[in-house]
Amino acid sequence: MSEYTIDKIDFNGNTYKIDYSHIPYGTINANSTSTIFNATVDGITELSNGVCAIIKNGIITSASGCTLNVNSLGAKPIYNVMAETTQITTEFNKDYTALFVYNTIRVSTGCWDMYCNYGNSGSSSSSAPYYGTCSTAAGTAAKTVTINGINELTTGLTIMVKFLYANSKASPTLKVNDLDAKSIMRYGTTAPGTSVATSWNEGSVVIMVYDGAYWQICNFLNSTYTIPSAMTDPEMKAGTATTGRTLTAVRLKNAIQYHSADLLTWNLLGEYTGVQGSAVELPDDFHEALVVIEPSTGYRLSFIVPNSTVYFNTSSDRYLTNNYSSDYNGWTRFDLLQDPTGGKYVNLNAAYSGSTNITNIAKWWVLYR
């Protein structure tokens, strides 16, 4: 059997054309709320499966549990077409236009399936970044910016604002489009009314997130962080700065050369005569010690002692002996020890000039580096 489409009706001698090319169009009424939408759509007199309409919302953004009442035919819940049993929440934005199809299969008592190009997320939030330029002067605290696509402030809303000018006023605010101005916060702890002057530099692109009450700046360093200043020459030589410093290659080279000279230079600890009642204590930070003795006029003996457990590892005396020349012009012995607290000591034990014992009058020196 053939199928035919009726495209006209003859009645009382007149021919009426049936136009299938249009979907009924209507708007949300001004008395609507975020949960109760009332709409006027020409041509819809009853609700049945497949009845559809394109409806423009110019009043208010939807909220959880919202319903749609077309031409006073009954308030019906609105469902997301991307889910089987999920009703919409904020998807019907106050500036959106959507296609609604009546459905009694999803809900036996009837519902509206909403079709709207609101992105893959299934919400009124767009995956594209919201970006705008603010040209408010640095000395004006009330900043303004126009960003397409933002019709309300929702928690988590993220924007990027390029500021053509720096900010030099305390307690700045930001007004996006025609929405309420909100205080700008840094670091999450700056209370409204306190100074956040010089919050950004001229030309900065600032990322902000709306937290439900304020615009929080996200891409600036925490207030506890201070950008290090350059190391000065006196600081390099002293080596005692307790805060961070930036270091150029030239300064690093100079520091290595300068402090290498320190490490290579012997420092005199003291000059002594004979055995000391208390052994001579070496500095805690010494790397090696040089002991020099003069057993005979014109002759000197010396030896180097590294700061090592090979030499310093016991509270008992250990000895170092050194002979000078084959004609027996000098002979010495030194004691080395380490006390229980880790202190390291050196002392003269014996000194001879030839075969003569000169221990009590022998001069000797300790140097270290």
Protein backbone atom coordinates (compact mmCIF):
# COMPACT_ATOMS: atom_id res chain seq x y z
CA MET A 1 0.00 0.00 0.00
CA SER A 2 1.35 3.43 -0.93
CA GLU A 3 1.93 6.12 1.65
CA TYR A 4 0.83 9.66 1.06
CA THR A 5 1.51 12.93 2.81
CA ILE A 6 -1.43 15.28 3.13
CA ASP A 7 -0.19 18.74 2.31
CA LYS A 8 -3.50 20.57 1.80
CA ILE A 9 -7.16 20.50 2.82
CA ASP A 10 -10.17 21.69 0.82
CA PHE A 11 -12.96 23.10 2.97
CA ASN A 12 -16.07 24.92 1.81
CA GLY A 13 -14.55 25.55 -1.57
CA ASN A 14 -11.27 26.89 -0.07
CA THR A 15 -7.87 25.16 -0.18
CA TYR A 16 -5.67 25.36 2.93
CA LYS A 17 -2.00 24.45 2.62
CA ILE A 18 -0.42 22.46 5.44
CA ASP A 19 3.11 23.71 6.19
CA TYR A 20 5.39 21.07 7.74
CA SER A 21 8.56 23.20 7.45
CA HIS A 22 8.26 25.08 10.74
CA ILE A 23 8.69 24.13 14.41
CA PRO A 24 6.60 26.19 16.82
CA TYR A 25 8.58 28.99 18.45
CA GLY A 26 7.98 30.66 21.81
CA THR A 27 9.54 32.46 24.75
CA ILE A 28 9.75 32.08 28.51
CA ASN A 29 7.28 34.31 30.32
CA ALA A 30 8.44 37.08 32.65
CA ASN A 31 6.70 35.50 35.65
CA SER A 32 9.04 32.49 35.52
CA THR A 33 11.49 31.53 38.26
CA SER A 34 14.61 29.37 38.17
CA THR A 35 12.51 26.29 39.02
CA ILE A 36 9.16 27.15 37.41
CA PHE A 37 9.31 28.09 33.73
CA ASN A 38 6.14 29.27 32.01
CA ALA A 39 6.23 29.58 28.21
CA THR A 40 3.94 30.85 25.48
CA VAL A 41 4.19 28.96 22.19
CA ASP A 42 1.77 29.56 19.29
CA GLY A 43 0.13 26.46 17.84
CA ILE A 44 0.43 24.05 20.78
CA THR A 45 -2.98 23.23 22.27
CA GLU A 46 -2.34 19.79 23.76
CA LEU A 47 0.60 17.63 24.83
CA SER A 48 1.41 14.27 23.23
CA ASN A 49 4.56 12.36 22.34
CA GLY A 50 6.66 14.25 19.82
CA VAL A 51 5.13 17.68 20.34
CA CYS A 52 8.07 20.07 20.08
CA ALA A 53 8.88 23.74 20.34
CA ILE A 54 11.88 26.02 20.16
CA ILE A 55 11.83 28.22 23.24
CA LYS A 56 14.03 31.22 24.03
CA ASN A 57 14.90 31.89 27.66
CA GLY A 58 15.54 35.56 28.29
CA ILE A 59 14.46 35.63 31.92
CA ILE A 60 16.51 33.50 34.35
CA THR A 61 18.90 30.53 34.41
CA SER A 62 17.41 27.21 35.44
CA ALA A 63 18.06 25.46 38.75
CA SER A 64 17.75 21.90 40.04
CA GLY A 65 14.18 20.49 39.89
CA CYS A 66 12.94 22.99 37.30
CA THR A 67 9.74 22.39 35.26
CA LEU A 68 8.33 23.77 32.01
CA ASN A 69 4.66 24.71 31.56
CA VAL A 70 3.78 25.45 27.93
CA ASN A 71 0.56 27.39 27.34
CA SER A 72 -0.71 26.38 30.81
CA LEU A 73 -0.98 22.74 29.72
CA GLY A 74 0.80 21.55 32.86
CA ALA A 75 4.22 21.86 34.50
CA LYS A 76 6.47 19.00 33.41
CA PRO A 77 10.05 18.17 34.46
CA ILE A 78 12.88 18.88 32.04
CA TYR A 79 15.37 16.11 31.26
CA ASN A 80 18.87 16.04 29.85
CA VAL A 81 18.89 14.16 26.53
CA MET A 82 22.44 12.96 27.24
CA ALA A 83 21.31 10.86 30.19
CA GLU A 84 18.46 8.41 30.77
CA THR A 85 17.15 9.62 34.11
CA THR A 86 18.94 12.93 34.77
CA GLN A 87 16.98 16.16 35.03
CA ILE A 88 18.71 19.39 34.07
CA THR A 89 19.99 21.85 36.66
CA THR A 90 21.63 25.02 35.28
CA GLU A 91 21.74 23.96 31.62
CA PHE A 92 18.90 26.28 30.50
CA ASN A 93 20.83 29.55 30.69
CA LYS A 94 18.88 32.79 30.66
CA ASP A 95 20.32 33.70 27.23
CA TYR A 96 19.96 30.22 25.69
CA THR A 97 17.46 29.02 23.10
CA ALA A 98 16.67 25.28 23.17
CA LEU A 99 14.54 22.67 21.47
CA PHE A 100 12.04 20.88 23.73
CA VAL A 101 10.33 17.61 22.78
CA TYR A 102 7.45 16.19 24.82
CA ASN A 103 8.03 12.60 25.98
CA THR A 104 5.81 10.15 27.92
CA ILE A 105 8.14 7.21 27.39
CA ARG A 106 10.86 8.52 29.69
CA VAL A 107 8.27 9.66 32.26
CA SER A 108 4.77 8.18 32.03
CA THR A 109 3.16 11.39 33.25
CA GLY A 110 5.12 13.40 30.70
CA CYS A 111 8.34 15.40 30.57
CA TRP A 112 10.23 17.67 28.24
CA ASP A 113 13.49 16.50 26.61
CA MET A 114 15.78 19.49 26.22
CA TYR A 115 18.14 19.73 23.24
CA CYS A 116 20.74 22.49 23.50
CA ASN A 117 24.26 22.91 22.15
CA TYR A 118 25.85 23.49 25.55
CA GLY A 119 29.03 21.50 24.99
CA ASN A 120 30.24 17.99 25.73
CA SER A 121 30.13 18.43 29.49
CA GLY A 122 26.35 18.50 29.59
CA SER A 123 26.32 21.67 31.65
CA SER A 124 26.16 25.40 31.09
CA SER A 125 29.92 25.59 31.54
CA SER A 126 31.95 25.77 28.34
CA SER A 127 35.19 23.91 27.79
CA ALA A 128 36.58 26.98 26.01
CA PRO A 129 38.44 29.48 28.21
CA TYR A 130 36.70 32.71 29.14
CA TYR A 131 39.02 35.56 28.16
CA GLY A 132 38.68 39.33 28.21
CA THR A 133 40.68 42.54 28.38
CA CYS A 134 40.43 45.08 31.19
CA SER A 135 41.35 48.67 30.36
CA THR A 136 40.56 50.17 33.77
CA ALA A 137 43.23 52.63 34.92
CA ALA A 138 45.75 51.52 37.54
CA GLY A 139 44.46 54.10 40.02
CA THR A 140 40.83 52.94 39.79
CA ALA A 141 39.92 50.14 42.20
CA ALA A 142 36.69 49.15 40.40
CA LYS A 143 37.91 47.05 37.47
CA THR A 144 35.56 46.00 34.67
CA VAL A 145 35.83 43.45 31.88
CA THR A 146 33.56 42.14 29.12
CA ILE A 147 33.72 38.38 28.48
CA ASN A 148 31.39 36.68 26.03
CA GLY A 149 29.35 33.73 27.29
CA ILE A 150 29.21 34.61 30.99
CA ASN A 151 25.71 35.40 32.22
CA GLU A 152 25.99 34.54 35.91
CA LEU A 153 28.60 33.97 38.59
CA THR A 154 28.82 30.31 39.56
CA THR A 155 31.27 28.78 41.99
CA GLY A 156 34.29 27.45 40.10
CA LEU A 157 33.86 29.82 37.15
CA THR A 158 37.36 30.43 35.75
CA ILE A 159 38.31 33.45 33.67
CA MET A 160 41.49 34.93 32.20
CA VAL A 161 41.80 38.71 32.20
CA LYS A 162 44.50 40.70 30.46
CA PHE A 163 45.03 43.93 32.38
CA LEU A 164 46.32 46.71 30.15
CA TYR A 165 47.37 48.58 33.28
CA ALA A 166 48.85 47.59 36.64
CA ASN A 167 46.83 47.99 39.83
CA SER A 168 47.91 50.64 42.33
CA LYS A 169 44.77 50.79 44.47
CA ALA A 170 43.96 48.85 47.60
CA SER A 171 40.95 46.51 47.69
CA PRO A 172 40.30 46.24 43.93
CA THR A 173 37.08 44.69 42.65
CA LEU A 174 36.17 43.10 39.32
CA LYS A 175 32.85 43.45 37.53
CA VAL A 176 32.32 40.93 34.70
CA ASN A 177 29.78 42.10 32.11
CA ASP A 178 26.70 43.41 33.96
CA LEU A 179 27.11 41.08 36.94
CA ASP A 180 27.88 42.17 40.49
CA ALA A 181 31.38 43.45 41.24
CA LYS A 182 33.36 41.12 43.52
CA SER A 183 36.52 41.71 45.56
CA ILE A 184 39.78 40.38 44.13
CA MET A 185 41.71 38.13 46.51
CA ARG A 186 45.32 36.90 46.50
CA TYR A 187 46.69 33.76 48.14
CA GLY A 188 43.28 32.86 49.59
CA THR A 189 43.87 34.81 52.80
CA THR A 190 43.71 38.46 51.85
CA ALA A 191 40.49 39.76 53.41
CA PRO A 192 38.36 42.33 51.58
CA GLY A 193 39.33 45.86 52.47
CA THR A 194 43.02 45.12 53.03
CA SER A 195 45.64 46.31 50.62
CA VAL A 196 46.34 44.25 47.55
CA ALA A 197 47.91 47.13 45.69
CA THR A 198 50.30 46.29 42.86
CA SER A 199 48.54 42.94 42.50
CA TRP A 200 49.75 42.57 38.90
CA ASN A 201 51.96 44.33 36.40
CA GLU A 202 50.93 46.16 33.27
CA GLY A 203 50.02 43.68 30.53
CA SER A 204 49.64 40.71 32.91
CA VAL A 205 47.17 37.94 32.07
CA VAL A 206 45.60 37.01 35.41
CA ILE A 207 43.75 33.71 35.94
CA MET A 208 40.90 34.05 38.42
CA VAL A 209 38.41 31.60 39.90
CA TYR A 210 35.11 32.66 41.47
CA ASP A 211 34.82 30.90 44.85
CA GLY A 212 31.24 31.88 45.52
CA ALA A 213 32.12 35.21 47.10
CA TYR A 214 35.38 36.57 45.64
CA TRP A 215 37.61 36.42 42.58
CA GLN A 216 40.69 34.41 43.63
CA ILE A 217 43.94 35.07 41.73
CA CYS A 218 45.52 31.72 40.81
CA ASN A 219 48.71 32.38 38.86
CA PHE A 220 50.71 34.56 41.24
CA LEU A 221 53.37 33.47 43.75
CA ASN A 222 52.37 32.98 47.37
CA SER A 223 52.86 36.02 49.59
CA THR A 224 55.47 34.20 51.69
CA TYR A 225 57.76 33.89 48.67
CA THR A 226 60.21 36.70 47.97
CA ILE A 227 62.07 36.83 44.68
CA PRO A 228 65.79 36.59 45.56
CA SER A 229 67.98 39.60 44.94
CA ALA A 230 71.37 39.43 43.29
CA MET A 231 74.31 38.37 45.45
CA THR A 232 76.63 41.28 46.23
CA ASP A 233 80.40 41.08 46.20
CA PRO A 234 80.70 41.52 50.01
CA GLU A 235 78.11 38.74 50.52
CA MET A 236 80.07 36.49 48.19
CA LYS A 237 83.27 37.09 50.15
CA ALA A 238 81.67 36.80 53.59
CA GLY A 239 79.57 33.75 52.71
CA THR A 240 77.17 34.50 55.55
CA ALA A 241 73.91 35.54 53.81
CA THR A 242 70.94 33.70 55.35
CA THR A 243 68.40 34.48 52.60
CA GLY A 244 68.28 33.32 48.99
CA ARG A 245 70.31 35.15 46.35
CA THR A 246 70.55 34.85 42.57
CA LEU A 247 74.02 33.98 41.33
CA THR A 248 75.44 34.92 37.94
CA ALA A 249 78.12 32.85 36.24
CA VAL A 250 80.66 35.64 36.80
CA ARG A 251 79.82 35.84 40.51
CA LEU A 252 80.05 32.05 40.83
CA LYS A 253 83.48 32.05 39.18
CA ASN A 254 84.68 34.84 41.49
CA ALA A 255 83.33 32.99 44.54
CA ILE A 256 85.19 29.80 43.60
CA GLN A 257 88.42 31.66 42.99
CA TYR A 258 88.07 33.76 46.14
CA HIS A 259 87.24 30.93 48.52
CA SER A 260 89.70 28.55 46.87
CA ALA A 261 92.40 31.00 47.92
CA ASP A 262 91.07 30.76 51.48
CA LEU A 263 91.30 26.99 51.40
CA LEU A 264 94.88 27.08 50.11
CA THR A 265 96.11 29.66 52.63
CA TRP A 266 97.62 28.47 55.91
CA ASN A 267 96.39 30.23 59.03
CA LEU A 268 98.68 30.48 62.04
CA LEU A 269 97.06 29.04 65.16
CA GLY A 270 99.94 29.89 67.46
CA GLU A 271 103.68 29.76 68.36
CA TYR A 272 104.73 27.63 71.33
CA THR A 273 107.84 26.66 73.33
CA GLY A 274 108.29 23.17 74.76
CA VAL A 275 105.58 20.80 75.91
CA GLN A 276 102.28 22.54 76.63
CA GLY A 277 100.50 21.85 79.91
CA SER A 278 97.27 21.59 77.96
CA ALA A 279 97.55 20.29 74.44
CA VAL A 280 96.79 22.74 71.64
CA GLU A 281 93.20 22.33 70.37
CA LEU A 282 92.65 22.60 66.62
CA PRO A 283 89.67 24.57 65.17
CA ASP A 284 86.51 22.51 64.66
CA ASP A 285 86.31 23.36 60.96
CA PHE A 286 89.96 22.69 60.01
CA HIS A 287 90.73 20.45 57.05
CA GLU A 288 94.40 19.81 57.77
CA ALA A 289 97.03 21.01 60.23
CA LEU A 290 100.71 21.83 59.62
CA VAL A 291 103.09 21.32 62.59
CA VAL A 292 106.54 22.96 62.31
CA ILE A 293 109.44 22.67 64.82
CA GLU A 294 112.92 24.20 64.95
CA PRO A 295 115.22 21.66 66.64
CA SER A 296 118.41 23.45 65.51
CA THR A 297 119.10 26.97 64.32
CA GLY A 298 118.59 27.06 60.58
CA TYR A 299 116.77 23.72 60.51
CA ARG A 300 113.04 23.09 60.64
CA LEU A 301 110.97 19.92 60.59
CA SER A 302 107.32 19.80 59.56
CA PHE A 303 104.47 17.42 58.89
CA ILE A 304 100.84 17.73 57.73
CA VAL A 305 98.02 16.05 59.65
CA PRO A 306 94.67 15.69 57.77
CA ASN A 307 91.46 15.91 59.78
CA SER A 308 90.92 12.17 59.60
CA THR A 309 90.17 9.24 61.89
CA VAL A 310 93.45 7.77 60.71
CA TYR A 311 95.12 10.35 62.96
CA PHE A 312 92.37 11.35 65.40
CA ASN A 313 90.28 8.45 66.70
CA THR A 314 91.13 7.86 70.36
CA SER A 315 91.52 9.68 73.67
CA SER A 316 94.93 8.00 74.10
CA ASP A 317 98.06 9.67 72.75
CA ARG A 318 99.19 8.76 69.29
CA TYR A 319 102.58 9.78 67.93
CA LEU A 320 104.03 11.26 64.80
CA THR A 321 107.81 11.13 64.34
CA ASN A 322 109.89 12.96 61.76
CA ASN A 323 113.65 12.84 61.05
CA TYR A 324 115.47 15.57 59.21
CA SER A 325 118.52 14.96 56.93
CA SER A 326 121.06 12.14 56.98
CA ASP A 327 123.48 14.02 59.28
CA TYR A 328 121.03 13.75 62.19
CA ASN A 329 120.44 17.49 62.67
CA GLY A 330 117.02 17.00 64.21
CA TRP A 331 114.44 14.57 65.52
CA THR A 332 110.92 15.20 66.88
CA ARG A 333 107.81 13.44 68.13
CA PHE A 334 104.32 14.88 68.50
CA ASP A 335 101.24 13.61 70.35
CA LEU A 336 97.82 13.55 68.62
CA LEU A 337 94.56 12.79 70.41
CA GLN A 338 90.78 13.27 70.25
CA ASP A 339 88.69 13.81 73.39
CA PRO A 340 85.25 12.19 73.96
CA THR A 341 83.48 15.31 72.65
CA GLY A 342 85.34 15.15 69.32
CA GLY A 343 87.89 17.89 70.02
CA LYS A 344 91.24 17.31 68.28
CA TYR A 345 94.58 18.21 69.93
CA VAL A 346 98.31 18.31 69.15
CA ASN A 347 101.28 18.64 71.53
CA LEU A 348 105.06 18.38 71.48
CA ASN A 349 106.32 15.10 72.92
CA ALA A 350 110.07 15.26 72.32
CA ALA A 351 112.65 17.25 70.31
CA TYR A 352 116.36 16.68 69.72
CA SER A 353 119.04 18.76 68.07
CA GLY A 354 121.48 16.14 66.93
CA SER A 355 121.63 13.95 70.03
CA THR A 356 120.83 16.80 72.46
CA ASN A 357 117.40 16.83 74.08
CA ILE A 358 115.99 20.36 73.62
CA THR A 359 112.34 19.49 74.27
CA ASN A 360 111.84 22.18 76.93
CA ILE A 361 113.26 25.04 74.82
CA ALA A 362 112.24 23.96 71.33
CA LYS A 363 110.04 26.40 69.41
CA TRP A 364 107.18 25.06 67.34
CA TRP A 365 104.18 26.36 65.41
CA VAL A 366 100.74 25.06 64.41
CA LEU A 367 99.09 26.24 61.19
CA TYR A 368 95.76 25.09 59.73
CA ARG A 369 93.50 25.50 56.74
